């Protein structure tokens, strides 16, 4: 057994998970002919899941992510941090 403490980078793992979900949702919206950016923004502002299609399980995926965490990841990414 190891006698040292391991550190986990939860933020990085969570960011990667959110990025994967957003990419999947974006593609599903695109495949269904929607404007993905407008639909995702509508969801973020209203938290109304009907902005997101059920196609490829996108609605279920995005609802697993806390909206505040989603916004934090987007702002961090936008600001390059």
PDB file of N, CA and C in Angstrom:
ATOM      1  N   UNK A   1       0.825  -1.182   0.000  1.00  0.00           N
ATOM      2  CA  UNK A   1       0.000   0.000   0.000  1.00  0.00           C
ATOM      3  C   UNK A   1       0.872   1.250   0.000  1.00  0.00           C
ATOM      4  N   UNK A   2       0.461   2.247  -0.737  1.00  0.00           N
ATOM      5  CA  UNK A   2       1.217   3.490  -0.806  1.00  0.00           C
ATOM      6  C   UNK A   2       0.973   4.329   0.439  1.00  0.00           C
ATOM      7  N   UNK A   3       2.041   4.986   0.919  1.00  0.00           N
ATOM      8  CA  UNK A   3       1.942   5.812   2.114  1.00  0.00           C
ATOM      9  C   UNK A   3       1.975   7.300   1.784  1.00  0.00           C
ATOM     10  N   UNK A   4       1.481   7.676   0.660  1.00  0.00           N
ATOM     11  CA  UNK A   4       1.454   9.084   0.327  1.00  0.00           C
ATOM     12  C   UNK A   4       0.044   9.474  -0.119  1.00  0.00           C
ATOM     13  N   UNK A   5      -0.225  10.744  -0.038  1.00  0.00           N
ATOM     14  CA  UNK A   5      -1.536  11.264  -0.401  1.00  0.00           C
ATOM     15  C   UNK A   5      -1.538  11.641  -1.863  1.00  0.00           C
ATOM     16  N   UNK A   6      -2.575  11.226  -2.542  1.00  0.00           N
ATOM     17  CA  UNK A   6      -2.722  11.579  -3.953  1.00  0.00           C
ATOM     18  C   UNK A   6      -3.630  12.786  -4.077  1.00  0.00           C
ATOM     19  N   UNK A   7      -3.302  13.664  -5.001  1.00  0.00           N
ATOM     20  CA  UNK A   7      -4.131  14.838  -5.254  1.00  0.00           C
ATOM     21  C   UNK A   7      -4.887  14.622  -6.553  1.00  0.00           C
ATOM     22  N   UNK A   8      -6.113  15.016  -6.514  1.00  0.00           N
ATOM     23  CA  UNK A   8      -6.942  14.924  -7.711  1.00  0.00           C
ATOM     24  C   UNK A   8      -7.303  16.325  -8.166  1.00  0.00           C
ATOM     25  N   UNK A   9      -7.289  16.519  -9.457  1.00  0.00           N
ATOM     26  CA  UNK A   9      -7.657  17.814 -10.025  1.00  0.00           C
ATOM     27  C   UNK A   9      -9.095  17.714 -10.510  1.00  0.00           C
ATOM     28  N   UNK A  10     -10.001  17.912  -9.584  1.00  0.00           N
ATOM     29  CA  UNK A  10     -11.422  17.784  -9.894  1.00  0.00           C
ATOM     30  C   UNK A  10     -11.860  18.837 -10.904  1.00  0.00           C
ATOM     31  N   UNK A  11     -11.348  20.039 -10.786  1.00  0.00           N
ATOM     32  CA  UNK A  11     -11.733  21.111 -11.696  1.00  0.00           C
ATOM     33  C   UNK A  11     -11.421  20.738 -13.131  1.00  0.00           C
ATOM     34  N   UNK A  12     -10.234  20.208 -13.370  1.00  0.00           N
ATOM     35  CA  UNK A  12      -9.852  19.845 -14.735  1.00  0.00           C
ATOM     36  C   UNK A  12     -10.723  18.704 -15.251  1.00  0.00           C
ATOM     37  N   UNK A  13     -10.994  17.726 -14.404  1.00  0.00           N
ATOM     38  CA  UNK A  13     -11.845  16.613 -14.814  1.00  0.00           C
ATOM     39  C   UNK A  13     -13.253  17.093 -15.113  1.00  0.00           C
ATOM     40  N   UNK A  14     -13.771  17.965 -14.265  1.00  0.00           N
ATOM     41  CA  UNK A  14     -15.123  18.499 -14.451  1.00  0.00           C
ATOM     42  C   UNK A  14     -15.183  19.344 -15.717  1.00  0.00           C
ATOM     43  N   UNK A  15     -14.164  20.153 -15.948  1.00  0.00           N
ATOM     44  CA  UNK A  15     -14.112  20.976 -17.159  1.00  0.00           C
ATOM     45  C   UNK A  15     -14.139  20.092 -18.409  1.00  0.00           C
ATOM     46  N   UNK A  16     -13.382  19.020 -18.389  1.00  0.00           N
ATOM     47  CA  UNK A  16     -13.331  18.108 -19.537  1.00  0.00           C
ATOM     48  C   UNK A  16     -14.689  17.441 -19.746  1.00  0.00           C
ATOM     49  N   UNK A  17     -15.342  17.069 -18.655  1.00  0.00           N
ATOM     50  CA  UNK A  17     -16.667  16.455 -18.755  1.00  0.00           C
ATOM     51  C   UNK A  17     -17.672  17.437 -19.348  1.00  0.00           C
ATOM     52  N   UNK A  18     -17.635  18.677 -18.878  1.00  0.00           N
ATOM     53  CA  UNK A  18     -18.556  19.702 -19.389  1.00  0.00           C
ATOM     54  C   UNK A  18     -18.280  19.975 -20.856  1.00  0.00           C
ATOM     55  N   UNK A  19     -17.014  20.027 -21.235  1.00  0.00           N
ATOM     56  CA  UNK A  19     -16.669  20.250 -22.639  1.00  0.00           C
ATOM     57  C   UNK A  19     -17.203  19.119 -23.510  1.00  0.00           C
ATOM     58  N   UNK A  20     -17.070  17.899 -23.041  1.00  0.00           N
ATOM     59  CA  UNK A  20     -17.562  16.750 -23.801  1.00  0.00           C
ATOM     60  C   UNK A  20     -19.087  16.809 -23.951  1.00  0.00           C
ATOM     61  N   UNK A  21     -19.780  17.139 -22.871  1.00  0.00           N
ATOM     62  CA  UNK A  21     -21.241  17.244 -22.933  1.00  0.00           C
ATOM     63  C   UNK A  21     -21.655  18.363 -23.879  1.00  0.00           C
ATOM     64  N   UNK A  22     -21.023  19.518 -23.768  1.00  0.00           N
ATOM     65  CA  UNK A  22     -21.367  20.643 -24.650  1.00  0.00           C
ATOM     66  C   UNK A  22     -21.129  20.305 -26.115  1.00  0.00           C
ATOM     67  N   UNK A  23     -20.040  19.622 -26.388  1.00  0.00           N
ATOM     68  CA  UNK A  23     -19.743  19.218 -27.759  1.00  0.00           C
ATOM     69  C   UNK A  23     -20.807  18.264 -28.285  1.00  0.00           C
ATOM     70  N   UNK A  24     -21.212  17.317 -27.468  1.00  0.00           N
ATOM     71  CA  UNK A  24     -22.248  16.363 -27.860  1.00  0.00           C
ATOM     72  C   UNK A  24     -23.570  17.070 -28.101  1.00  0.00           C
ATOM     73  N   UNK A  25     -23.931  17.975 -27.194  1.00  0.00           N
ATOM     74  CA  UNK A  25     -25.182  18.732 -27.327  1.00  0.00           C
ATOM     75  C   UNK A  25     -25.133  19.607 -28.578  1.00  0.00           C
ATOM     76  N   UNK A  26     -24.015  20.276 -28.791  1.00  0.00           N
ATOM     77  CA  UNK A  26     -23.838  21.136 -29.969  1.00  0.00           C
ATOM     78  C   UNK A  26     -24.065  20.334 -31.255  1.00  0.00           C
ATOM     79  N   UNK A  27     -23.433  19.184 -31.336  1.00  0.00           N
ATOM     80  CA  UNK A  27     -23.561  18.349 -32.543  1.00  0.00           C
ATOM     81  C   UNK A  27     -24.985  17.852 -32.743  1.00  0.00           C
ATOM     82  N   UNK A  28     -25.641  17.463 -31.643  1.00  0.00           N
ATOM     83  CA  UNK A  28     -27.023  16.983 -31.736  1.00  0.00           C
ATOM     84  C   UNK A  28     -27.944  18.089 -32.233  1.00  0.00           C
ATOM     85  N   UNK A  29     -27.757  19.295 -31.733  1.00  0.00           N
ATOM     86  CA  UNK A  29     -28.568  20.427 -32.186  1.00  0.00           C
ATOM     87  C   UNK A  29     -28.309  20.731 -33.655  1.00  0.00           C
ATOM     88  N   UNK A  30     -27.055  20.682 -34.027  1.00  0.00           N
ATOM     89  CA  UNK A  30     -26.665  20.926 -35.415  1.00  0.00           C
ATOM     90  C   UNK A  30     -27.287  19.881 -36.348  1.00  0.00           C
ATOM     91  N   UNK A  31     -27.241  18.620 -35.942  1.00  0.00           N
ATOM     92  CA  UNK A  31     -27.807  17.532 -36.749  1.00  0.00           C
ATOM     93  C   UNK A  31     -29.307  17.700 -36.952  1.00  0.00           C
ATOM     94  N   UNK A  32     -29.971  18.269 -35.980  1.00  0.00           N
ATOM     95  CA  UNK A  32     -31.412  18.460 -36.081  1.00  0.00           C
ATOM     96  C   UNK A  32     -31.774  19.768 -36.782  1.00  0.00           C
ATOM     97  N   UNK A  33     -30.771  20.556 -37.194  1.00  0.00           N
ATOM     98  CA  UNK A  33     -31.022  21.767 -37.956  1.00  0.00           C
ATOM     99  C   UNK A  33     -31.224  23.027 -37.136  1.00  0.00           C
ATOM    100  N   UNK A  34     -30.927  22.972 -35.851  1.00  0.00           N
ATOM    101  CA  UNK A  34     -31.053  24.145 -34.991  1.00  0.00           C
ATOM    102  C   UNK A  34     -29.765  24.949 -35.006  1.00  0.00           C
ATOM    103  N   UNK A  35     -29.847  26.205 -34.575  1.00  0.00           N
ATOM    104  CA  UNK A  35     -28.656  27.016 -34.350  1.00  0.00           C
ATOM    105  C   UNK A  35     -28.165  26.669 -32.941  1.00  0.00           C
ATOM    106  N   UNK A  36     -27.093  25.887 -32.823  1.00  0.00           N
ATOM    107  CA  UNK A  36     -26.659  25.383 -31.517  1.00  0.00           C
ATOM    108  C   UNK A  36     -26.346  26.482 -30.498  1.00  0.00           C
ATOM    109  N   UNK A  37     -25.715  27.544 -30.931  1.00  0.00           N
ATOM    110  CA  UNK A  37     -25.351  28.620 -30.011  1.00  0.00           C
ATOM    111  C   UNK A  37     -26.607  29.250 -29.414  1.00  0.00           C
ATOM    112  N   UNK A  38     -27.566  29.595 -30.269  1.00  0.00           N
ATOM    113  CA  UNK A  38     -28.803  30.207 -29.782  1.00  0.00           C
ATOM    114  C   UNK A  38     -29.551  29.283 -28.818  1.00  0.00           C
ATOM    115  N   UNK A  39     -29.590  28.008 -29.138  1.00  0.00           N
ATOM    116  CA  UNK A  39     -30.318  27.055 -28.297  1.00  0.00           C
ATOM    117  C   UNK A  39     -29.637  26.876 -26.940  1.00  0.00           C
ATOM    118  N   UNK A  40     -28.312  26.776 -26.945  1.00  0.00           N
ATOM    119  CA  UNK A  40     -27.577  26.601 -25.688  1.00  0.00           C
ATOM    120  C   UNK A  40     -27.692  27.849 -24.822  1.00  0.00           C
ATOM    121  N   UNK A  41     -27.597  29.021 -25.438  1.00  0.00           N
ATOM    122  CA  UNK A  41     -27.765  30.272 -24.688  1.00  0.00           C
ATOM    123  C   UNK A  41     -29.178  30.348 -24.111  1.00  0.00           C
ATOM    124  N   UNK A  42     -30.171  29.976 -24.890  1.00  0.00           N
ATOM    125  CA  UNK A  42     -31.547  29.961 -24.384  1.00  0.00           C
ATOM    126  C   UNK A  42     -31.684  29.051 -23.183  1.00  0.00           C
ATOM    127  N   UNK A  43     -31.053  27.898 -23.241  1.00  0.00           N
ATOM    128  CA  UNK A  43     -31.085  26.964 -22.114  1.00  0.00           C
ATOM    129  C   UNK A  43     -30.397  27.561 -20.888  1.00  0.00           C
ATOM    130  N   UNK A  44     -29.225  28.145 -21.087  1.00  0.00           N
ATOM    131  CA  UNK A  44     -28.480  28.708 -19.963  1.00  0.00           C
ATOM    132  C   UNK A  44     -29.267  29.833 -19.298  1.00  0.00           C
ATOM    133  N   UNK A  45     -29.865  30.706 -20.090  1.00  0.00           N
ATOM    134  CA  UNK A  45     -30.593  31.843 -19.529  1.00  0.00           C
ATOM    135  C   UNK A  45     -31.876  31.433 -18.814  1.00  0.00           C
ATOM    136  N   UNK A  46     -32.558  30.440 -19.338  1.00  0.00           N
ATOM    137  CA  UNK A  46     -33.874  30.084 -18.803  1.00  0.00           C
ATOM    138  C   UNK A  46     -33.889  28.805 -17.970  1.00  0.00           C
ATOM    139  N   UNK A  47     -32.896  27.968 -18.178  1.00  0.00           N
ATOM    140  CA  UNK A  47     -32.834  26.619 -17.604  1.00  0.00           C
ATOM    141  C   UNK A  47     -34.027  25.771 -18.054  1.00  0.00           C
ATOM    142  N   UNK A  48     -34.581  26.138 -19.190  1.00  0.00           N
ATOM    143  CA  UNK A  48     -35.693  25.387 -19.782  1.00  0.00           C
ATOM    144  C   UNK A  48     -35.096  24.319 -20.701  1.00  0.00           C
ATOM    145  N   UNK A  49     -35.226  23.047 -20.342  1.00  0.00           N
ATOM    146  CA  UNK A  49     -34.592  21.983 -21.116  1.00  0.00           C
ATOM    147  C   UNK A  49     -35.159  21.808 -22.525  1.00  0.00           C
ATOM    148  N   UNK A  50     -36.307  22.421 -22.805  1.00  0.00           N
ATOM    149  CA  UNK A  50     -36.875  22.253 -24.150  1.00  0.00           C
ATOM    150  C   UNK A  50     -36.075  22.998 -25.221  1.00  0.00           C
ATOM    151  N   UNK A  51     -35.128  23.826 -24.820  1.00  0.00           N
ATOM    152  CA  UNK A  51     -34.221  24.450 -25.797  1.00  0.00           C
ATOM    153  C   UNK A  51     -33.262  23.417 -26.393  1.00  0.00           C
ATOM    154  N   UNK A  52     -33.106  22.292 -25.710  1.00  0.00           N
ATOM    155  CA  UNK A  52     -32.159  21.258 -26.135  1.00  0.00           C
ATOM    156  C   UNK A  52     -32.942  20.054 -26.656  1.00  0.00           C
ATOM    157  N   UNK A  53     -32.534  19.570 -27.804  1.00  0.00           N
ATOM    158  CA  UNK A  53     -33.188  18.422 -28.421  1.00  0.00           C
ATOM    159  C   UNK A  53     -32.945  17.136 -27.625  1.00  0.00           C
ATOM    160  N   UNK A  54     -33.866  16.196 -27.782  1.00  0.00           N
ATOM    161  CA  UNK A  54     -33.680  14.866 -27.191  1.00  0.00           C
ATOM    162  C   UNK A  54     -32.750  14.003 -28.046  1.00  0.00           C
ATOM    163  N   UNK A  55     -32.491  14.445 -29.263  1.00  0.00           N
ATOM    164  CA  UNK A  55     -31.657  13.700 -30.202  1.00  0.00           C
ATOM    165  C   UNK A  55     -30.312  13.362 -29.556  1.00  0.00           C
ATOM    166  N   UNK A  56     -29.899  12.122 -29.682  1.00  0.00           N
ATOM    167  CA  UNK A  56     -28.630  11.628 -29.099  1.00  0.00           C
ATOM    168  C   UNK A  56     -28.539  11.861 -27.589  1.00  0.00           C
ATOM    169  N   UNK A  57     -29.688  11.887 -26.935  1.00  0.00           N
ATOM    170  CA  UNK A  57     -29.738  12.010 -25.477  1.00  0.00           C
ATOM    171  C   UNK A  57     -29.175  13.345 -24.981  1.00  0.00           C
ATOM    172  N   UNK A  58     -29.169  14.371 -25.846  1.00  0.00           N
ATOM    173  CA  UNK A  58     -28.553  15.659 -25.524  1.00  0.00           C
ATOM    174  C   UNK A  58     -29.229  16.343 -24.336  1.00  0.00           C
ATOM    175  N   UNK A  59     -30.543  16.301 -24.268  1.00  0.00           N
ATOM    176  CA  UNK A  59     -31.251  16.978 -23.182  1.00  0.00           C
ATOM    177  C   UNK A  59     -30.899  16.361 -21.825  1.00  0.00           C
ATOM    178  N   UNK A  60     -30.854  15.057 -21.781  1.00  0.00           N
ATOM    179  CA  UNK A  60     -30.499  14.377 -20.528  1.00  0.00           C
ATOM    180  C   UNK A  60     -29.063  14.707 -20.124  1.00  0.00           C
ATOM    181  N   UNK A  61     -28.162  14.737 -21.095  1.00  0.00           N
ATOM    182  CA  UNK A  61     -26.755  15.035 -20.801  1.00  0.00           C
ATOM    183  C   UNK A  61     -26.574  16.427 -20.215  1.00  0.00           C
ATOM    184  N   UNK A  62     -27.188  17.417 -20.849  1.00  0.00           N
ATOM    185  CA  UNK A  62     -26.955  18.789 -20.392  1.00  0.00           C
ATOM    186  C   UNK A  62     -27.597  19.046 -19.033  1.00  0.00           C
ATOM    187  N   UNK A  63     -28.655  18.317 -18.719  1.00  0.00           N
ATOM    188  CA  UNK A  63     -29.306  18.501 -17.424  1.00  0.00           C
ATOM    189  C   UNK A  63     -28.500  17.903 -16.273  1.00  0.00           C
ATOM    190  N   UNK A  64     -27.511  17.087 -16.584  1.00  0.00           N
ATOM    191  CA  UNK A  64     -26.635  16.520 -15.554  1.00  0.00           C
ATOM    192  C   UNK A  64     -25.596  17.522 -15.074  1.00  0.00           C
ATOM    193  N   UNK A  65     -25.439  18.613 -15.817  1.00  0.00           N
ATOM    194  CA  UNK A  65     -24.438  19.628 -15.490  1.00  0.00           C
ATOM    195  C   UNK A  65     -25.124  20.788 -14.774  1.00  0.00           C
ATOM    196  N   UNK A  66     -24.553  21.185 -13.651  1.00  0.00           N
ATOM    197  CA  UNK A  66     -25.058  22.341 -12.934  1.00  0.00           C
ATOM    198  C   UNK A  66     -24.833  23.584 -13.794  1.00  0.00           C
ATOM    199  N   UNK A  67     -25.864  24.400 -13.906  1.00  0.00           N
ATOM    200  CA  UNK A  67     -25.786  25.573 -14.775  1.00  0.00           C
ATOM    201  C   UNK A  67     -24.694  26.537 -14.331  1.00  0.00           C
ATOM    202  N   UNK A  68     -24.497  26.703 -13.031  1.00  0.00           N
ATOM    203  CA  UNK A  68     -23.438  27.588 -12.533  1.00  0.00           C
ATOM    204  C   UNK A  68     -22.063  27.074 -12.932  1.00  0.00           C
ATOM    205  N   UNK A  69     -21.860  25.766 -12.843  1.00  0.00           N
ATOM    206  CA  UNK A  69     -20.581  25.176 -13.254  1.00  0.00           C
ATOM    207  C   UNK A  69     -20.361  25.374 -14.751  1.00  0.00           C
ATOM    208  N   UNK A  70     -21.426  25.215 -15.515  1.00  0.00           N
ATOM    209  CA  UNK A  70     -21.344  25.416 -16.963  1.00  0.00           C
ATOM    210  C   UNK A  70     -20.907  26.842 -17.275  1.00  0.00           C
ATOM    211  N   UNK A  71     -21.522  27.805 -16.615  1.00  0.00           N
ATOM    212  CA  UNK A  71     -21.154  29.205 -16.844  1.00  0.00           C
ATOM    213  C   UNK A  71     -19.710  29.488 -16.425  1.00  0.00           C
ATOM    214  N   UNK A  72     -19.273  28.906 -15.308  1.00  0.00           N
ATOM    215  CA  UNK A  72     -17.895  29.101 -14.861  1.00  0.00           C
ATOM    216  C   UNK A  72     -16.903  28.579 -15.897  1.00  0.00           C
ATOM    217  N   UNK A  73     -17.174  27.405 -16.432  1.00  0.00           N
ATOM    218  CA  UNK A  73     -16.288  26.822 -17.438  1.00  0.00           C
ATOM    219  C   UNK A  73     -16.258  27.697 -18.688  1.00  0.00           C
ATOM    220  N   UNK A  74     -17.407  28.165 -19.119  1.00  0.00           N
ATOM    221  CA  UNK A  74     -17.466  29.009 -20.312  1.00  0.00           C
ATOM    222  C   UNK A  74     -16.706  30.314 -20.113  1.00  0.00           C
ATOM    223  N   UNK A  75     -16.868  30.942 -18.965  1.00  0.00           N
ATOM    224  CA  UNK A  75     -16.167  32.205 -18.698  1.00  0.00           C
ATOM    225  C   UNK A  75     -14.669  31.974 -18.588  1.00  0.00           C
ATOM    226  N   UNK A  76     -14.261  30.913 -17.872  1.00  0.00           N
ATOM    227  CA  UNK A  76     -12.822  30.590 -17.775  1.00  0.00           C
ATOM    228  C   UNK A  76     -12.224  30.355 -19.152  1.00  0.00           C
ATOM    229  N   UNK A  77     -12.930  29.603 -19.971  1.00  0.00           N
ATOM    230  CA  UNK A  77     -12.432  29.309 -21.317  1.00  0.00           C
ATOM    231  C   UNK A  77     -12.351  30.587 -22.149  1.00  0.00           C
ATOM    232  N   UNK A  78     -13.368  31.416 -22.061  1.00  0.00           N
ATOM    233  CA  UNK A  78     -13.390  32.656 -22.829  1.00  0.00           C
ATOM    234  C   UNK A  78     -12.229  33.573 -22.431  1.00  0.00           C
ATOM    235  N   UNK A  79     -11.952  33.623 -21.139  1.00  0.00           N
ATOM    236  CA  UNK A  79     -10.878  34.482 -20.648  1.00  0.00           C
ATOM    237  C   UNK A  79      -9.513  33.813 -20.709  1.00  0.00           C
ATOM    238  N   UNK A  80      -9.486  32.556 -21.140  1.00  0.00           N
ATOM    239  CA  UNK A  80      -8.216  31.853 -21.311  1.00  0.00           C
ATOM    240  C   UNK A  80      -7.554  31.455 -20.021  1.00  0.00           C
ATOM    241  N   UNK A  81      -8.333  31.115 -19.017  1.00  0.00           N
ATOM    242  CA  UNK A  81      -7.749  30.760 -17.718  1.00  0.00           C
ATOM    243  C   UNK A  81      -8.036  29.333 -17.391  1.00  0.00           C
TER     244      UNK A  81
END
